[in-house]
Each structure stands twice: as structure tokens, then as C-alpha cells.
N, C-alpha and C. Protein backbone atom coordinates (compact mmCIF):
# COMPACT_ATOMS: atom_id res chain seq x y z
N MET A 1 -7.71 4.18 -16.21
CA MET A 1 -7.99 5.76 -16.46
C MET A 1 -7.08 6.29 -16.08
N ALA A 2 -7.03 7.60 -17.32
CA ALA A 2 -5.95 8.27 -17.27
C ALA A 2 -5.43 9.14 -15.83
N ARG A 3 -4.02 9.28 -15.20
CA ARG A 3 -3.91 10.17 -14.50
C ARG A 3 -4.49 11.28 -14.12
N PRO A 4 -5.14 11.63 -12.86
CA PRO A 4 -5.59 13.40 -12.60
C PRO A 4 -4.54 13.90 -13.40
N LYS A 5 -5.32 15.41 -13.78
CA LYS A 5 -4.07 16.21 -13.61
C LYS A 5 -5.02 17.16 -12.70
N VAL A 6 -3.38 17.66 -11.45
CA VAL A 6 -4.02 18.73 -10.38
C VAL A 6 -3.22 19.95 -11.00
N CYS A 7 -4.34 20.77 -11.25
CA CYS A 7 -3.80 22.67 -11.17
C CYS A 7 -3.49 22.60 -9.34
N ILE A 8 -2.60 23.61 -9.18
CA ILE A 8 -2.32 23.97 -7.83
C ILE A 8 -2.67 26.11 -7.85
N SER A 9 -3.68 25.58 -6.82
CA SER A 9 -4.39 27.29 -6.32
C SER A 9 -3.18 27.93 -5.21
N PHE A 10 -2.50 28.94 -5.25
CA PHE A 10 -1.35 29.33 -4.19
C PHE A 10 -1.53 30.66 -3.79
N ASP A 11 -1.09 31.00 -2.85
CA ASP A 11 -0.64 32.53 -2.26
C ASP A 11 0.65 32.42 -3.17
N TYR A 12 1.10 33.73 -4.35
CA TYR A 12 2.12 33.55 -4.74
C TYR A 12 3.18 34.02 -3.64
N GLU A 13 2.95 35.59 -2.60
CA GLU A 13 3.29 36.22 -2.16
C GLU A 13 4.21 35.13 -0.58
N ASN A 14 3.13 34.38 -0.15
CA ASN A 14 3.26 33.88 1.04
C ASN A 14 3.32 32.48 1.01
N ASP A 15 2.85 31.64 0.06
CA ASP A 15 2.87 30.31 0.27
C ASP A 15 3.68 29.16 -1.10
N LYS A 16 5.00 30.30 -1.52
CA LYS A 16 4.99 29.61 -2.86
C LYS A 16 6.17 28.33 -1.82
N TYR A 17 6.43 28.68 -0.59
CA TYR A 17 7.36 26.82 -0.68
C TYR A 17 6.39 25.79 -0.52
N SER A 18 5.06 26.07 0.07
CA SER A 18 4.20 25.01 -0.21
C SER A 18 4.16 24.37 -1.41
N ARG A 19 3.49 25.17 -2.35
CA ARG A 19 3.71 25.15 -3.90
C ARG A 19 5.13 24.27 -4.48
N ASN A 20 6.19 25.14 -4.31
CA ASN A 20 7.32 24.26 -4.57
C ASN A 20 7.97 22.77 -3.96
N ALA A 21 7.00 22.61 -2.69
CA ALA A 21 7.03 21.12 -2.06
C ALA A 21 5.99 20.45 -3.12
N ILE A 22 5.28 20.74 -3.51
CA ILE A 22 4.43 19.80 -4.31
C ILE A 22 4.96 19.87 -5.71
N ARG A 23 5.55 20.50 -5.84
CA ARG A 23 6.27 20.44 -7.51
C ARG A 23 7.38 19.39 -7.47
N LEU A 24 7.81 19.49 -5.98
CA LEU A 24 9.09 18.15 -5.99
C LEU A 24 8.48 16.87 -6.31
N TRP A 25 6.87 16.80 -5.94
CA TRP A 25 6.44 15.56 -5.83
C TRP A 25 5.88 14.91 -7.36
N ASN A 26 6.26 15.79 -7.98
CA ASN A 26 6.74 14.81 -9.62
C ASN A 26 7.77 14.48 -9.62
N ASN A 27 8.33 14.17 -8.86
CA ASN A 27 9.47 13.57 -8.48
C ASN A 27 9.65 11.80 -7.91
N ASN A 28 8.20 11.89 -7.63
CA ASN A 28 8.04 10.88 -6.59
C ASN A 28 7.47 9.54 -7.34
N LYS A 29 8.30 8.36 -7.86
CA LYS A 29 7.58 7.37 -8.29
C LYS A 29 6.03 7.09 -7.68
N TYR A 30 5.86 7.36 -6.67
CA TYR A 30 4.50 7.06 -6.06
C TYR A 30 3.17 7.52 -5.99
N ILE A 31 3.50 8.83 -6.86
CA ILE A 31 1.87 9.58 -7.32
C ILE A 31 1.58 9.14 -8.41
N ASP A 32 0.08 9.01 -8.39
CA ASP A 32 -0.53 8.71 -9.63
C ASP A 32 -1.39 10.21 -9.96
N PHE A 33 -0.43 11.53 -9.90
CA PHE A 33 -1.22 12.39 -10.63
C PHE A 33 -0.43 13.61 -11.15
N ASP A 34 -0.68 13.88 -12.13
CA ASP A 34 0.40 15.08 -13.13
C ASP A 34 -0.53 16.41 -12.38
N ILE A 35 0.71 17.48 -12.33
CA ILE A 35 0.83 18.46 -11.58
C ILE A 35 1.12 19.59 -12.65
N ILE A 36 -0.14 20.57 -12.86
CA ILE A 36 -0.38 21.49 -13.62
C ILE A 36 -0.39 23.20 -12.78
N ASP A 37 0.39 23.72 -13.05
CA ASP A 37 1.11 24.67 -12.43
C ASP A 37 1.13 25.73 -12.69
N LYS A 38 0.43 27.27 -12.81
CA LYS A 38 0.40 28.88 -13.00
C LYS A 38 0.30 29.43 -12.17
N THR A 39 0.76 30.55 -11.57
CA THR A 39 0.21 31.44 -11.31
C THR A 39 -0.18 33.36 -11.83
N PRO A 40 -0.36 33.79 -11.31
CA PRO A 40 -0.49 34.95 -11.76
C PRO A 40 0.62 35.55 -12.26
N SER A 41 1.92 35.68 -11.42
CA SER A 41 2.68 36.37 -11.45
C SER A 41 3.86 35.74 -12.76
N GLU A 42 3.61 34.34 -12.83
CA GLU A 42 4.53 33.71 -13.83
C GLU A 42 3.89 33.77 -15.01
N ILE A 43 2.87 34.21 -15.13
CA ILE A 43 2.06 34.72 -16.51
C ILE A 43 2.68 35.78 -17.08
N ASP A 44 3.57 36.46 -16.45
CA ASP A 44 4.20 37.54 -17.14
C ASP A 44 3.34 38.64 -17.10
N THR A 45 2.45 38.95 -16.68
CA THR A 45 1.73 40.16 -17.38
C THR A 45 0.90 40.90 -16.02
N TYR A 46 0.86 42.10 -16.38
CA TYR A 46 -0.22 42.78 -15.20
C TYR A 46 -1.34 42.32 -15.91
N ASP A 47 -1.88 42.67 -17.22
CA ASP A 47 -3.30 42.78 -17.14
C ASP A 47 -4.09 41.82 -17.02
N ILE A 48 -5.22 42.14 -16.38
CA ILE A 48 -5.95 41.47 -15.65
C ILE A 48 -6.69 40.31 -16.36
N SER A 49 -6.70 40.71 -17.67
CA SER A 49 -7.81 39.88 -18.83
C SER A 49 -6.46 38.29 -18.88
N ARG A 50 -5.60 38.77 -19.10
CA ARG A 50 -5.03 37.98 -19.84
C ARG A 50 -4.49 37.26 -18.66
N ILE A 51 -4.33 37.51 -17.46
CA ILE A 51 -3.87 36.71 -15.98
C ILE A 51 -5.22 35.68 -15.99
N LYS A 52 -6.23 36.09 -16.07
CA LYS A 52 -7.50 35.10 -16.10
C LYS A 52 -7.90 34.15 -17.65
N ALA A 53 -7.27 34.71 -18.07
CA ALA A 53 -6.76 34.00 -19.58
C ALA A 53 -6.30 32.86 -19.27
N GLY A 54 -4.83 33.10 -19.04
CA GLY A 54 -3.73 32.11 -18.74
C GLY A 54 -4.48 31.34 -17.53
N LEU A 55 -5.00 31.58 -16.43
CA LEU A 55 -5.29 30.76 -15.68
C LEU A 55 -6.54 30.06 -15.74
N THR A 56 -7.24 30.59 -16.57
CA THR A 56 -8.62 29.52 -17.26
C THR A 56 -8.02 28.50 -18.22
N THR A 57 -7.21 29.35 -18.67
CA THR A 57 -7.10 27.45 -19.30
C THR A 57 -5.73 26.15 -18.84
N LYS A 58 -5.46 26.64 -17.52
CA LYS A 58 -4.39 25.75 -16.67
C LYS A 58 -5.77 25.37 -16.02
N ILE A 59 -6.30 25.78 -15.37
CA ILE A 59 -7.91 25.32 -14.55
C ILE A 59 -8.52 24.31 -15.78
N SER A 60 -9.05 24.78 -16.86
CA SER A 60 -9.45 23.74 -17.92
C SER A 60 -8.55 22.96 -18.32
N GLU A 61 -7.66 22.50 -18.43
CA GLU A 61 -6.48 21.37 -18.04
C GLU A 61 -7.00 20.22 -17.23
N SER A 62 -7.10 20.70 -16.36
CA SER A 62 -6.45 19.95 -14.78
C SER A 62 -8.77 19.06 -14.68
N ASN A 63 -8.02 18.23 -13.66
CA ASN A 63 -9.65 17.55 -13.42
C ASN A 63 -9.75 17.93 -11.96
N ILE A 64 -8.47 18.36 -11.16
CA ILE A 64 -8.50 18.76 -9.74
C ILE A 64 -8.14 20.81 -9.35
N LEU A 65 -8.78 21.42 -8.57
CA LEU A 65 -7.56 22.23 -8.65
C LEU A 65 -7.55 21.63 -6.71
N LEU A 66 -6.33 21.98 -6.54
CA LEU A 66 -6.12 21.96 -5.29
C LEU A 66 -5.50 23.00 -4.61
N VAL A 67 -6.14 23.73 -4.25
CA VAL A 67 -6.05 25.35 -3.07
C VAL A 67 -5.33 24.70 -1.71
N ILE A 68 -4.30 25.24 -1.41
CA ILE A 68 -3.24 25.64 -0.31
C ILE A 68 -4.35 27.06 0.39
N SER A 69 -4.48 26.60 1.57
CA SER A 69 -5.15 27.81 2.39
C SER A 69 -4.21 28.22 3.41
N GLY A 70 -3.52 29.26 3.40
CA GLY A 70 -2.51 29.59 4.03
C GLY A 70 -3.40 30.82 4.87
N ASP A 71 -2.40 31.56 5.94
CA ASP A 71 -2.86 32.39 6.44
C ASP A 71 -3.63 34.07 5.68
N TYR A 72 -3.30 33.87 4.59
CA TYR A 72 -3.70 34.97 3.55
C TYR A 72 -4.75 34.40 2.51
N ILE A 73 -5.40 33.57 2.42
CA ILE A 73 -6.41 32.94 1.58
C ILE A 73 -7.66 33.93 1.42
N ASN A 74 -8.03 34.32 2.46
CA ASN A 74 -9.28 35.70 1.95
C ASN A 74 -8.86 36.83 2.32
N ALA A 75 -7.43 37.11 2.33
CA ALA A 75 -7.27 38.50 2.31
C ALA A 75 -7.41 39.39 0.52
N PRO A 76 -7.88 40.69 1.13
CA PRO A 76 -7.96 41.44 -0.53
C PRO A 76 -6.77 41.62 -1.45
N HIS A 77 -6.91 41.68 -2.60
CA HIS A 77 -5.90 42.26 -3.33
C HIS A 77 -6.48 43.44 -3.87
N ARG A 78 -5.37 44.26 -3.85
CA ARG A 78 -5.64 45.35 -4.44
C ARG A 78 -6.28 46.10 -5.67
N ASN A 79 -6.27 44.83 -6.33
CA ASN A 79 -7.34 44.60 -7.73
C ASN A 79 -8.26 44.12 -7.77
N ARG A 80 -8.77 43.46 -6.25
CA ARG A 80 -9.94 43.08 -6.03
C ARG A 80 -11.29 43.17 -6.74
N ASN A 81 -11.06 44.76 -7.34
CA ASN A 81 -12.82 45.07 -8.31
C ASN A 81 -12.29 44.66 -9.41
N GLU A 82 -11.27 44.57 -10.52
CA GLU A 82 -10.92 43.94 -11.17
C GLU A 82 -10.89 42.91 -11.53
N ILE A 83 -10.99 42.20 -10.60
CA ILE A 83 -10.76 40.62 -10.51
C ILE A 83 -11.93 40.30 -10.68
N GLY A 84 -12.96 41.04 -9.72
CA GLY A 84 -13.94 40.05 -9.56
C GLY A 84 -13.99 39.43 -8.29
N CYS A 85 -13.01 39.15 -7.68
CA CYS A 85 -13.10 38.24 -6.51
C CYS A 85 -12.55 38.47 -5.16
N ILE A 86 -12.08 38.35 -4.16
CA ILE A 86 -11.24 39.36 -2.79
C ILE A 86 -10.08 38.86 -3.39
N ASN A 87 -9.58 37.76 -4.06
CA ASN A 87 -8.05 37.73 -4.54
C ASN A 87 -8.26 36.45 -5.61
N TRP A 88 -6.54 36.35 -6.05
CA TRP A 88 -6.61 35.61 -7.22
C TRP A 88 -6.79 33.95 -6.60
N GLN A 89 -6.62 33.40 -5.50
CA GLN A 89 -7.18 32.09 -5.31
C GLN A 89 -8.65 32.27 -5.22
N ASN A 90 -9.50 33.05 -4.52
CA ASN A 90 -10.68 32.76 -4.79
C ASN A 90 -11.72 33.00 -6.31
N TRP A 91 -10.70 33.68 -6.90
CA TRP A 91 -10.97 33.76 -8.34
C TRP A 91 -10.96 32.46 -9.17
N GLU A 92 -9.70 31.84 -8.53
CA GLU A 92 -9.86 30.35 -8.81
C GLU A 92 -10.61 29.35 -8.57
N CYS A 93 -10.59 29.39 -7.70
CA CYS A 93 -12.08 28.50 -7.07
C CYS A 93 -13.06 28.69 -7.86
N ARG A 94 -13.82 30.11 -7.74
CA ARG A 94 -14.57 30.22 -8.61
C ARG A 94 -14.85 29.34 -10.03
N LYS A 95 -13.81 30.04 -10.63
CA LYS A 95 -13.55 29.42 -12.15
C LYS A 95 -13.67 28.19 -11.95
N ALA A 96 -13.03 27.16 -11.13
CA ALA A 96 -13.19 25.78 -11.07
C ALA A 96 -14.26 25.12 -10.63
N LEU A 97 -15.07 25.77 -9.91
CA LEU A 97 -17.03 25.77 -9.55
C LEU A 97 -17.62 25.48 -11.17
N GLU A 98 -17.01 26.71 -11.83
CA GLU A 98 -17.90 27.66 -12.83
C GLU A 98 -17.82 26.11 -14.27
N LEU A 99 -16.48 25.62 -14.06
CA LEU A 99 -15.78 24.59 -14.96
C LEU A 99 -16.21 23.48 -14.34
N ASN A 100 -16.85 22.91 -13.25
CA ASN A 100 -17.17 21.58 -12.80
C ASN A 100 -15.99 20.77 -12.66
N LYS A 101 -14.97 21.55 -11.66
CA LYS A 101 -13.63 20.89 -11.23
C LYS A 101 -14.23 19.87 -9.99
N LYS A 102 -13.01 19.29 -9.86
CA LYS A 102 -13.10 18.91 -8.46
C LYS A 102 -12.02 19.67 -7.76
N ILE A 103 -12.12 19.74 -6.40
CA ILE A 103 -11.76 21.06 -5.28
C ILE A 103 -11.48 20.14 -3.89
N ILE A 104 -9.71 19.89 -3.92
CA ILE A 104 -9.17 19.56 -2.96
C ILE A 104 -8.68 20.63 -2.02
N LEU A 105 -9.15 21.42 -0.89
CA LEU A 105 -8.30 21.96 -0.10
C LEU A 105 -7.35 21.37 0.85
N VAL A 106 -6.35 22.14 0.96
CA VAL A 106 -5.00 21.47 1.19
C VAL A 106 -4.84 22.88 2.60
N LYS A 107 -5.20 22.71 4.13
CA LYS A 107 -5.37 23.79 5.23
C LYS A 107 -3.87 23.57 5.61
N LEU A 108 -3.10 24.33 5.49
CA LEU A 108 -1.62 24.34 5.97
C LEU A 108 -1.92 24.26 7.70
N LYS A 109 -2.46 24.80 8.28
CA LYS A 109 -2.84 24.26 9.66
C LYS A 109 -4.60 24.55 10.26
N SER A 110 -4.88 23.54 10.97
CA SER A 110 -6.43 23.08 11.15
C SER A 110 -7.04 24.29 11.46
N SER A 111 -6.40 25.49 12.05
CA SER A 111 -7.16 26.63 11.77
C SER A 111 -7.08 27.88 10.70
N SER A 112 -6.35 27.26 9.40
CA SER A 112 -6.38 27.95 7.92
C SER A 112 -7.98 27.60 7.61
N LEU A 113 -8.61 29.06 7.16
CA LEU A 113 -9.78 29.63 6.66
C LEU A 113 -9.99 29.04 4.93
N ILE A 114 -11.44 28.27 5.25
CA ILE A 114 -12.17 28.40 3.77
C ILE A 114 -12.32 29.47 2.92
N PRO A 115 -11.61 29.49 1.65
CA PRO A 115 -11.63 30.59 0.43
C PRO A 115 -13.29 30.75 0.65
N GLU A 116 -13.69 32.28 0.64
CA GLU A 116 -15.19 32.47 0.73
C GLU A 116 -15.49 31.95 -0.53
N GLU A 117 -15.11 31.84 -1.59
CA GLU A 117 -15.58 31.53 -2.52
C GLU A 117 -15.79 29.48 -2.88
N LEU A 118 -15.79 29.41 -1.77
CA LEU A 118 -15.49 27.70 -1.39
C LEU A 118 -16.55 27.83 -0.31
N LEU A 119 -16.99 28.17 0.20
CA LEU A 119 -17.80 28.24 1.73
C LEU A 119 -19.33 27.42 1.06
N GLY A 120 -19.76 26.08 1.71
CA GLY A 120 -21.06 25.57 1.34
C GLY A 120 -20.83 24.78 -0.20
N GLU A 121 -19.66 24.47 -0.69
CA GLU A 121 -19.26 23.71 -1.78
C GLU A 121 -18.44 22.33 -1.81
N LYS A 122 -18.73 21.55 -2.53
CA LYS A 122 -18.77 20.05 -2.01
C LYS A 122 -17.11 19.95 -2.48
N ARG A 123 -16.41 19.53 -1.61
CA ARG A 123 -14.85 19.62 -1.70
C ARG A 123 -14.51 18.85 -0.85
N GLU A 124 -13.25 18.16 -0.98
CA GLU A 124 -12.28 16.95 0.08
C GLU A 124 -11.53 18.36 0.57
N ASP A 125 -11.36 17.81 1.63
CA ASP A 125 -10.42 19.20 3.06
C ASP A 125 -9.54 17.89 3.30
N VAL A 126 -8.08 18.54 3.50
CA VAL A 126 -7.00 17.76 4.14
C VAL A 126 -6.20 18.59 5.14
N VAL A 127 -5.71 18.41 6.13
CA VAL A 127 -4.88 19.16 6.88
C VAL A 127 -3.86 18.77 7.01
N GLY A 128 -2.72 19.78 6.47
CA GLY A 128 -1.53 19.24 6.55
C GLY A 128 -1.22 19.17 5.00
N LEU A 129 0.11 19.25 4.60
CA LEU A 129 0.46 19.25 3.33
C LEU A 129 1.44 18.07 2.99
N GLU A 130 0.47 16.57 3.13
CA GLU A 130 1.15 15.49 3.36
C GLU A 130 0.73 15.09 1.64
N LEU A 131 1.72 14.21 1.09
CA LEU A 131 1.75 13.45 -0.14
C LEU A 131 0.23 12.32 0.37
N ASP A 132 0.55 11.44 1.43
CA ASP A 132 -0.72 10.66 1.61
C ASP A 132 -2.14 11.15 1.66
N LYS A 133 -2.28 11.97 2.22
CA LYS A 133 -3.44 12.61 2.68
C LYS A 133 -4.04 13.22 1.12
N VAL A 134 -2.94 13.98 0.34
CA VAL A 134 -3.39 14.59 -1.07
C VAL A 134 -4.13 13.22 -1.97
N ASN A 135 -2.93 12.07 -1.90
CA ASN A 135 -3.20 10.73 -2.33
C ASN A 135 -4.73 10.44 -2.24
N ASN A 136 -5.01 10.26 -0.99
CA ASN A 136 -6.07 9.90 -0.82
C ASN A 136 -7.70 10.62 -0.68
N ALA A 137 -7.27 12.08 -0.77
CA ALA A 137 -8.19 13.05 -1.23
C ALA A 137 -8.44 12.78 -3.14
N ILE A 138 -7.02 12.71 -3.84
CA ILE A 138 -7.37 12.35 -5.49
C ILE A 138 -8.27 11.41 -5.75
N SER A 139 -7.98 9.98 -4.93
CA SER A 139 -8.63 9.21 -5.06
C SER A 139 -10.15 8.93 -4.52
N ASN A 140 -10.33 9.81 -3.38
CA ASN A 140 -11.77 9.96 -3.42
C ASN A 140 -12.99 10.34 -4.36
N LEU A 141 -11.69 11.47 -4.73
CA LEU A 141 -12.25 12.52 -5.70
C LEU A 141 -12.46 11.89 -7.15
N MET A 142 -11.93 11.00 -7.44
CA MET A 142 -11.88 10.45 -8.88
C MET A 142 -12.69 9.29 -8.83
N VAL A 143 -12.84 8.87 -7.97
CA VAL A 143 -13.95 7.84 -7.59
C VAL A 143 -15.66 7.88 -7.52
N HIS A 144 -15.96 8.98 -7.03
CA HIS A 144 -17.30 9.88 -7.14
C HIS A 144 -17.57 10.63 -8.05
């Protein structure tokens, strides 16, 4: 089986450190997945439709959306009406569901919230950003 491709969903302003930790995993010989990473700020535009197109491409290229749930997972974005969801992370979750992607929710703390778009949806939940836990979640998803 081909290596799963994992797209990371995270709050650019508040959870960059977690995304950077995950990017370092690419150097670990014990991972069996590839990381696809793109965030609206890195797409280098403020045009909502272009951001959506860029994110849709990255989510489409992946097998799994890995959602980092930090303190602001459901915080309203100033452009939420144009985005069509409360924020970009929730939009990415909705898009992943539309595209039938598998989802891993990494709660940075046990008290971290579930994104509104994932309430009642099938996913693998992990508490704590640990490679072993994420690897196990990926294995579970790829078997089912």
C-alpha cells in the first residue's frame, strides 16, 4: 500500500508551533506517511476563492486531514461570512468531509474542543501531539 498523505489543518496564528513539530516528523525514519501542508497565509493572497482553491487542492491530494485542535478551534474569523464557516479550520473539515477524506482530530489538551463541522462525524481522536499516537490513528484509519 502507498504511504498515506496527510494534510495538516491548524490555526496559523496560534498553533504554528504544533504544525512545525509535525513538519519535523518528515525527517523521522519511523513515520509511514507523507505530510502535505498549506495554510491560507502561505497561499499568499487575501482572495477567499483563491485560498479555498489552494486548500481544496491540498486536501484533495491527501488521504487524511489531521486537524490540530487548540484554544481557538471554533473562534470566529473576521471573514467567516465569505468563508462560509466560522473559520478556516472548520472550512477545511467541511471540505474534507465533502471529499470523503479520513480525519484525525489531535486535541492539544484533553479540554480542547471539537471543531463545529466535525460534531457527530466519524474520525479518530488523539489527545496530545505525539508521533506514536498519530501513527496509530493513521494505521486505524487506513485499515478501515
